[in-house]
Amino acid sequence: MKQENTTLENKNFRPLDLKKKLRPGESVIQSLLFMSGILSIFITVAIVYELGKEALLFFTTPGVTLTKFFTTTQWSPGIGLLESGRW
């Protein structure tokens, strides 16, 4: 009885084929996912660059320092604009 099971299992046994098969649909999807990843990284870096550029522009104005920005409680959105006459 035990040998019957062994022979049945051997008939249905297929060795695994581990060679990579060429599947065009899979490579297209893989390429799209790769491009999506690159695009998302590029957009994230661009957002951080723009925020950093504007923050640097804000903190290099004469009336603004990091200590003044984080320690004062008075909100003055036009710092430096009144003195320069641009407002």
N, C-alpha and C. Protein backbone atom coordinates (compact mmCIF):
# COMPACT_ATOMS: atom_id res chain seq x y z
N MET A 1 0.82 -1.19 0.00
CA MET A 1 0.00 0.00 0.00
C MET A 1 0.87 1.26 0.00
N LYS A 2 1.92 1.21 0.76
CA LYS A 2 2.79 2.36 0.85
C LYS A 2 3.54 2.59 -0.45
N GLN A 3 3.87 1.53 -1.14
CA GLN A 3 4.58 1.69 -2.40
C GLN A 3 3.68 2.24 -3.49
N GLU A 4 2.40 1.99 -3.43
CA GLU A 4 1.47 2.54 -4.42
C GLU A 4 1.47 4.06 -4.35
N ASN A 5 1.42 4.61 -3.15
CA ASN A 5 1.42 6.06 -2.97
C ASN A 5 2.71 6.67 -3.51
N THR A 6 3.80 5.97 -3.31
CA THR A 6 5.08 6.47 -3.78
C THR A 6 5.13 6.51 -5.29
N THR A 7 4.61 5.51 -5.92
CA THR A 7 4.63 5.50 -7.38
C THR A 7 3.66 6.53 -7.95
N LEU A 8 2.54 6.76 -7.30
CA LEU A 8 1.60 7.79 -7.78
C LEU A 8 2.21 9.19 -7.63
N GLU A 9 2.89 9.39 -6.53
CA GLU A 9 3.52 10.69 -6.32
C GLU A 9 4.63 10.92 -7.35
N ASN A 10 5.35 9.88 -7.69
CA ASN A 10 6.44 10.01 -8.66
C ASN A 10 5.91 10.32 -10.05
N LYS A 11 4.74 9.79 -10.40
CA LYS A 11 4.17 10.07 -11.72
C LYS A 11 3.76 11.54 -11.85
N ASN A 12 3.25 12.11 -10.77
CA ASN A 12 2.78 13.50 -10.80
C ASN A 12 3.89 14.51 -10.51
N PHE A 13 5.03 14.03 -10.14
CA PHE A 13 6.13 14.93 -9.78
C PHE A 13 6.75 15.55 -11.02
N ARG A 14 6.83 16.90 -11.00
CA ARG A 14 7.52 17.64 -12.06
C ARG A 14 8.64 18.44 -11.43
N PRO A 15 9.84 18.27 -11.89
CA PRO A 15 10.92 19.09 -11.32
C PRO A 15 10.69 20.56 -11.67
N LEU A 16 11.05 21.42 -10.75
CA LEU A 16 10.85 22.85 -10.96
C LEU A 16 11.80 23.38 -12.03
N ASP A 17 11.26 24.16 -12.90
CA ASP A 17 12.07 24.80 -13.93
C ASP A 17 12.39 26.20 -13.42
N LEU A 18 13.60 26.45 -13.02
CA LEU A 18 13.97 27.72 -12.41
C LEU A 18 14.54 28.71 -13.41
N LYS A 19 14.49 28.40 -14.69
CA LYS A 19 14.97 29.34 -15.69
C LYS A 19 13.97 30.48 -15.83
N LYS A 20 14.50 31.68 -16.04
CA LYS A 20 13.63 32.84 -16.21
C LYS A 20 13.00 32.80 -17.59
N LYS A 21 11.68 32.89 -17.60
CA LYS A 21 10.97 32.87 -18.87
C LYS A 21 10.70 34.31 -19.31
N LEU A 22 10.77 34.55 -20.58
CA LEU A 22 10.52 35.87 -21.13
C LEU A 22 9.02 36.12 -21.18
N ARG A 23 8.58 37.09 -20.42
CA ARG A 23 7.16 37.46 -20.40
C ARG A 23 7.08 38.95 -20.68
N PRO A 24 6.65 39.35 -21.87
CA PRO A 24 6.66 40.77 -22.23
C PRO A 24 5.75 41.62 -21.33
N GLY A 25 4.61 41.11 -20.95
CA GLY A 25 3.72 41.87 -20.09
C GLY A 25 4.34 42.16 -18.74
N GLU A 26 5.05 41.19 -18.23
CA GLU A 26 5.69 41.36 -16.92
C GLU A 26 6.81 42.39 -16.98
N SER A 27 7.57 42.40 -18.07
CA SER A 27 8.65 43.38 -18.18
C SER A 27 8.10 44.79 -18.39
N VAL A 28 6.95 44.92 -19.06
CA VAL A 28 6.33 46.23 -19.22
C VAL A 28 5.86 46.76 -17.87
N ILE A 29 5.23 45.90 -17.09
CA ILE A 29 4.76 46.31 -15.76
C ILE A 29 5.95 46.65 -14.86
N GLN A 30 7.00 45.87 -14.93
CA GLN A 30 8.19 46.14 -14.14
C GLN A 30 8.80 47.49 -14.53
N SER A 31 8.84 47.79 -15.81
CA SER A 31 9.37 49.08 -16.27
C SER A 31 8.50 50.23 -15.80
N LEU A 32 7.18 50.07 -15.87
CA LEU A 32 6.27 51.12 -15.39
C LEU A 32 6.43 51.36 -13.90
N LEU A 33 6.57 50.30 -13.13
CA LEU A 33 6.77 50.46 -11.69
C LEU A 33 8.10 51.13 -11.38
N PHE A 34 9.14 50.79 -12.12
CA PHE A 34 10.44 51.42 -11.92
C PHE A 34 10.37 52.91 -12.23
N MET A 35 9.73 53.26 -13.36
CA MET A 35 9.60 54.67 -13.73
C MET A 35 8.74 55.44 -12.71
N SER A 36 7.70 54.80 -12.19
CA SER A 36 6.87 55.44 -11.17
C SER A 36 7.68 55.71 -9.91
N GLY A 37 8.53 54.77 -9.53
CA GLY A 37 9.38 54.97 -8.36
C GLY A 37 10.36 56.11 -8.56
N ILE A 38 10.99 56.16 -9.73
CA ILE A 38 11.93 57.25 -10.03
C ILE A 38 11.21 58.60 -10.03
N LEU A 39 10.01 58.64 -10.63
CA LEU A 39 9.24 59.88 -10.68
C LEU A 39 8.85 60.34 -9.28
N SER A 40 8.43 59.43 -8.42
CA SER A 40 8.04 59.83 -7.07
C SER A 40 9.23 60.34 -6.27
N ILE A 41 10.39 59.73 -6.46
CA ILE A 41 11.59 60.23 -5.78
C ILE A 41 11.96 61.61 -6.30
N PHE A 42 11.89 61.81 -7.61
CA PHE A 42 12.20 63.12 -8.19
C PHE A 42 11.24 64.19 -7.68
N ILE A 43 9.95 63.89 -7.62
CA ILE A 43 8.97 64.87 -7.14
C ILE A 43 9.21 65.20 -5.67
N THR A 44 9.54 64.20 -4.85
CA THR A 44 9.82 64.45 -3.44
C THR A 44 11.04 65.34 -3.27
N VAL A 45 12.09 65.08 -4.03
CA VAL A 45 13.29 65.91 -3.95
C VAL A 45 12.99 67.33 -4.42
N ALA A 46 12.16 67.47 -5.46
CA ALA A 46 11.80 68.81 -5.95
C ALA A 46 11.00 69.59 -4.91
N ILE A 47 10.10 68.92 -4.21
CA ILE A 47 9.31 69.59 -3.17
C ILE A 47 10.22 70.05 -2.03
N VAL A 48 11.11 69.17 -1.59
CA VAL A 48 12.04 69.55 -0.51
C VAL A 48 12.94 70.70 -0.95
N TYR A 49 13.39 70.68 -2.20
CA TYR A 49 14.24 71.76 -2.72
C TYR A 49 13.48 73.10 -2.70
N GLU A 50 12.25 73.10 -3.19
CA GLU A 50 11.47 74.35 -3.23
C GLU A 50 11.17 74.87 -1.83
N LEU A 51 10.81 73.98 -0.92
CA LEU A 51 10.55 74.42 0.46
C LEU A 51 11.82 74.96 1.10
N GLY A 52 12.95 74.30 0.87
CA GLY A 52 14.21 74.78 1.43
C GLY A 52 14.63 76.12 0.84
N LYS A 53 14.41 76.29 -0.45
CA LYS A 53 14.77 77.55 -1.11
C LYS A 53 13.95 78.71 -0.54
N GLU A 54 12.66 78.49 -0.37
CA GLU A 54 11.80 79.56 0.17
C GLU A 54 12.11 79.83 1.64
N ALA A 55 12.42 78.78 2.41
CA ALA A 55 12.78 78.97 3.82
C ALA A 55 14.08 79.75 3.93
N LEU A 56 15.04 79.43 3.07
CA LEU A 56 16.31 80.16 3.08
C LEU A 56 16.09 81.63 2.71
N LEU A 57 15.24 81.86 1.75
CA LEU A 57 14.93 83.24 1.36
C LEU A 57 14.27 83.99 2.51
N PHE A 58 13.40 83.32 3.24
CA PHE A 58 12.72 83.95 4.38
C PHE A 58 13.70 84.24 5.51
N PHE A 59 14.55 83.27 5.83
CA PHE A 59 15.44 83.46 6.97
C PHE A 59 16.65 84.32 6.67
N THR A 60 16.89 84.68 5.41
CA THR A 60 17.99 85.59 5.11
C THR A 60 17.54 87.05 5.06
N THR A 61 16.25 87.31 5.25
CA THR A 61 15.80 88.71 5.34
C THR A 61 16.36 89.31 6.63
N PRO A 62 16.63 90.62 6.63
CA PRO A 62 17.32 91.24 7.76
C PRO A 62 16.59 91.12 9.11
N GLY A 63 15.27 91.16 9.13
CA GLY A 63 14.58 91.17 10.42
C GLY A 63 14.25 89.80 10.98
N VAL A 64 14.66 88.74 10.34
CA VAL A 64 14.26 87.40 10.77
C VAL A 64 15.49 86.57 11.15
N THR A 65 15.42 85.99 12.33
CA THR A 65 16.44 85.01 12.76
C THR A 65 15.71 83.78 13.27
N LEU A 66 16.43 82.67 13.36
CA LEU A 66 15.80 81.44 13.85
C LEU A 66 15.33 81.61 15.30
N THR A 67 16.14 82.28 16.12
CA THR A 67 15.74 82.46 17.52
C THR A 67 14.51 83.35 17.62
N LYS A 68 14.47 84.41 16.84
CA LYS A 68 13.31 85.30 16.86
C LYS A 68 12.07 84.58 16.32
N PHE A 69 12.26 83.77 15.31
CA PHE A 69 11.14 83.05 14.71
C PHE A 69 10.54 82.04 15.68
N PHE A 70 11.39 81.32 16.41
CA PHE A 70 10.88 80.27 17.29
C PHE A 70 10.56 80.73 18.70
N THR A 71 11.02 81.90 19.12
CA THR A 71 10.81 82.31 20.52
C THR A 71 9.79 83.43 20.69
N THR A 72 9.51 84.21 19.69
CA THR A 72 8.53 85.29 19.87
C THR A 72 7.12 84.75 19.66
N THR A 73 6.16 85.45 20.28
CA THR A 73 4.77 85.02 20.17
C THR A 73 3.94 85.97 19.30
N GLN A 74 4.55 87.04 18.84
CA GLN A 74 3.81 88.00 18.01
C GLN A 74 3.91 87.57 16.55
N TRP A 75 2.76 87.50 15.90
CA TRP A 75 2.73 87.11 14.50
C TRP A 75 2.87 88.36 13.64
N SER A 76 3.91 88.40 12.83
CA SER A 76 4.12 89.54 11.94
C SER A 76 4.53 89.01 10.58
N PRO A 77 3.56 88.72 9.70
CA PRO A 77 3.88 88.12 8.41
C PRO A 77 4.63 89.04 7.46
N GLY A 78 4.61 90.33 7.70
CA GLY A 78 5.29 91.26 6.80
C GLY A 78 6.60 91.75 7.34
N ILE A 79 7.35 90.91 8.04
CA ILE A 79 8.63 91.32 8.62
C ILE A 79 9.55 91.80 7.49
N GLY A 80 10.05 92.99 7.64
CA GLY A 80 10.99 93.52 6.67
C GLY A 80 10.32 94.20 5.48
N LEU A 81 9.07 93.92 5.22
CA LEU A 81 8.41 94.52 4.07
C LEU A 81 8.01 95.96 4.35
N LEU A 82 7.63 96.26 5.60
CA LEU A 82 7.25 97.64 5.93
C LEU A 82 8.44 98.57 5.86
N GLU A 83 9.59 98.11 6.32
CA GLU A 83 10.78 98.95 6.30
C GLU A 83 11.29 99.18 4.89
N SER A 84 11.12 98.20 4.01
CA SER A 84 11.67 98.34 2.67
C SER A 84 10.72 99.11 1.75
N GLY A 85 9.50 99.38 2.18
CA GLY A 85 8.56 100.13 1.36
C GLY A 85 7.87 99.29 0.32
N ARG A 86 8.04 97.99 0.37
CA ARG A 86 7.39 97.13 -0.61
C ARG A 86 5.94 96.84 -0.25
N TRP A 87 5.51 97.27 0.94
CA TRP A 87 4.15 96.97 1.37
C TRP A 87 3.34 98.20 1.51
